[in-house]
Amino acid sequence: MITGLIDFITGAALQLVLLLLSLLPAVDLSALPLAMPQGVADALGALNWFVPVGDLIDILTTWIGLVLAVNVAMVVQRVISTVDR
């Protein structure tokens, strides 16, 4: 039972680390094979003057990562507290 719990915790920690690492690299949109229509690109460029879309995406990904980290920590805490009983 203890080895299964340790395997679960290490597997969850590994998955969390891999998730956080997958959020880190920046994506170069010009390297993608997809082409955005020029009208959409112009509209997004104009919108970016008023709403910093890149900053919002960075804040959103950071927030999601932190929420996931807190939820994993809460699950680990509950598992540990049930094992201690």
C-alpha atoms as a PDB file:
ATOM      1  CA  MET A   1       0.000   0.000   0.000  1.00  0.00           C
ATOM      2  CA  ILE A   2       2.816   2.417   0.842  1.00  0.00           C
ATOM      3  CA  THR A   3       4.629   1.684  -2.421  1.00  0.00           C
ATOM      4  CA  GLY A   4       1.424   2.290  -4.365  1.00  0.00           C
ATOM      5  CA  LEU A   5       0.981   5.609  -2.585  1.00  0.00           C
ATOM      6  CA  ILE A   6       4.581   6.602  -3.266  1.00  0.00           C
ATOM      7  CA  ASP A   7       4.191   5.615  -6.928  1.00  0.00           C
ATOM      8  CA  PHE A   8       1.016   7.682  -7.143  1.00  0.00           C
ATOM      9  CA  ILE A   9       2.638  10.744  -5.574  1.00  0.00           C
ATOM     10  CA  THR A  10       5.777  10.543  -7.714  1.00  0.00           C
ATOM     11  CA  GLY A  11       3.698   9.966 -10.854  1.00  0.00           C
ATOM     12  CA  ALA A  12       1.487  12.942 -10.041  1.00  0.00           C
ATOM     13  CA  ALA A  13       4.532  15.096  -9.291  1.00  0.00           C
ATOM     14  CA  LEU A  14       6.138  14.046 -12.566  1.00  0.00           C
ATOM     15  CA  GLN A  15       2.965  14.868 -14.499  1.00  0.00           C
ATOM     16  CA  LEU A  16       2.768  18.265 -12.781  1.00  0.00           C
ATOM     17  CA  VAL A  17       6.391  19.045 -13.639  1.00  0.00           C
ATOM     18  CA  LEU A  18       5.824  18.010 -17.247  1.00  0.00           C
ATOM     19  CA  LEU A  19       2.700  20.176 -17.408  1.00  0.00           C
ATOM     20  CA  LEU A  20       4.550  23.194 -16.032  1.00  0.00           C
ATOM     21  CA  LEU A  21       7.446  22.626 -18.425  1.00  0.00           C
ATOM     22  CA  SER A  22       5.058  22.423 -21.362  1.00  0.00           C
ATOM     23  CA  LEU A  23       3.723  25.876 -20.459  1.00  0.00           C
ATOM     24  CA  LEU A  24       7.155  27.517 -20.408  1.00  0.00           C
ATOM     25  CA  PRO A  25       8.373  27.628 -24.014  1.00  0.00           C
ATOM     26  CA  ALA A  26       7.135  30.442 -26.222  1.00  0.00           C
ATOM     27  CA  VAL A  27       5.500  29.619 -29.527  1.00  0.00           C
ATOM     28  CA  ASP A  28       6.700  31.482 -32.602  1.00  0.00           C
ATOM     29  CA  LEU A  29       3.540  32.042 -34.636  1.00  0.00           C
ATOM     30  CA  SER A  30       5.471  32.720 -37.823  1.00  0.00           C
ATOM     31  CA  ALA A  31       6.961  29.205 -37.676  1.00  0.00           C
ATOM     32  CA  LEU A  32       3.529  27.539 -37.623  1.00  0.00           C
ATOM     33  CA  PRO A  33       2.234  26.227 -40.955  1.00  0.00           C
ATOM     34  CA  LEU A  34      -1.134  27.913 -40.363  1.00  0.00           C
ATOM     35  CA  ALA A  35      -1.790  31.256 -42.047  1.00  0.00           C
ATOM     36  CA  MET A  36      -4.106  33.770 -40.423  1.00  0.00           C
ATOM     37  CA  PRO A  37      -6.194  35.886 -42.808  1.00  0.00           C
ATOM     38  CA  GLN A  38      -4.802  39.408 -43.173  1.00  0.00           C
ATOM     39  CA  GLY A  39      -8.030  41.023 -41.945  1.00  0.00           C
ATOM     40  CA  VAL A  40      -7.939  39.007 -38.728  1.00  0.00           C
ATOM     41  CA  ALA A  41      -4.260  39.793 -38.214  1.00  0.00           C
ATOM     42  CA  ASP A  42      -4.952  43.520 -38.689  1.00  0.00           C
ATOM     43  CA  ALA A  43      -7.886  43.405 -36.254  1.00  0.00           C
ATOM     44  CA  LEU A  44      -5.814  41.599 -33.620  1.00  0.00           C
ATOM     45  CA  GLY A  45      -3.010  44.107 -34.129  1.00  0.00           C
ATOM     46  CA  ALA A  46      -5.427  46.981 -33.534  1.00  0.00           C
ATOM     47  CA  LEU A  47      -6.952  45.235 -30.513  1.00  0.00           C
ATOM     48  CA  ASN A  48      -3.503  44.691 -29.043  1.00  0.00           C
ATOM     49  CA  TRP A  49      -3.072  48.486 -28.730  1.00  0.00           C
ATOM     50  CA  PHE A  50      -5.924  48.590 -26.195  1.00  0.00           C
ATOM     51  CA  VAL A  51      -5.830  45.100 -24.660  1.00  0.00           C
ATOM     52  CA  PRO A  52      -2.363  43.527 -24.302  1.00  0.00           C
ATOM     53  CA  VAL A  53      -3.375  40.058 -25.493  1.00  0.00           C
ATOM     54  CA  GLY A  54       0.080  38.545 -24.936  1.00  0.00           C
ATOM     55  CA  ASP A  55       0.126  39.724 -21.329  1.00  0.00           C
ATOM     56  CA  LEU A  56      -3.377  38.382 -20.767  1.00  0.00           C
ATOM     57  CA  ILE A  57      -2.370  34.975 -22.119  1.00  0.00           C
ATOM     58  CA  ASP A  58       0.716  34.941 -19.861  1.00  0.00           C
ATOM     59  CA  ILE A  59      -1.405  35.832 -16.827  1.00  0.00           C
ATOM     60  CA  LEU A  60      -4.002  33.192 -17.722  1.00  0.00           C
ATOM     61  CA  THR A  61      -1.449  30.395 -18.133  1.00  0.00           C
ATOM     62  CA  THR A  62       0.257  31.363 -14.867  1.00  0.00           C
ATOM     63  CA  TRP A  63      -3.082  31.425 -13.082  1.00  0.00           C
ATOM     64  CA  ILE A  64      -4.102  28.019 -14.465  1.00  0.00           C
ATOM     65  CA  GLY A  65      -0.740  26.547 -13.454  1.00  0.00           C
ATOM     66  CA  LEU A  66      -1.070  27.896  -9.927  1.00  0.00           C
ATOM     67  CA  VAL A  67      -4.638  26.618  -9.585  1.00  0.00           C
ATOM     68  CA  LEU A  68      -3.510  23.174 -10.738  1.00  0.00           C
ATOM     69  CA  ALA A  69      -0.566  23.224  -8.321  1.00  0.00           C
ATOM     70  CA  VAL A  70      -2.842  24.172  -5.399  1.00  0.00           C
ATOM     71  CA  ASN A  71      -5.337  21.444  -6.312  1.00  0.00           C
ATOM     72  CA  VAL A  72      -2.581  18.826  -6.505  1.00  0.00           C
ATOM     73  CA  ALA A  73      -1.226  19.993  -3.141  1.00  0.00           C
ATOM     74  CA  MET A  74      -4.708  19.708  -1.609  1.00  0.00           C
ATOM     75  CA  VAL A  75      -5.122  16.169  -2.971  1.00  0.00           C
ATOM     76  CA  VAL A  76      -1.721  15.160  -1.603  1.00  0.00           C
ATOM     77  CA  GLN A  77      -2.621  16.700   1.773  1.00  0.00           C
ATOM     78  CA  ARG A  78      -5.901  14.759   1.886  1.00  0.00           C
ATOM     79  CA  VAL A  79      -4.168  11.515   0.947  1.00  0.00           C
ATOM     80  CA  ILE A  80      -1.543  12.045   3.636  1.00  0.00           C
ATOM     81  CA  SER A  81      -4.158  12.922   6.246  1.00  0.00           C
ATOM     82  CA  THR A  82      -6.183   9.781   5.450  1.00  0.00           C
ATOM     83  CA  VAL A  83      -3.031   7.626   5.653  1.00  0.00           C
ATOM     84  CA  ASP A  84      -2.146   9.078   9.064  1.00  0.00           C
ATOM     85  CA  ARG A  85      -5.517   8.104  10.538  1.00  0.00           C
END
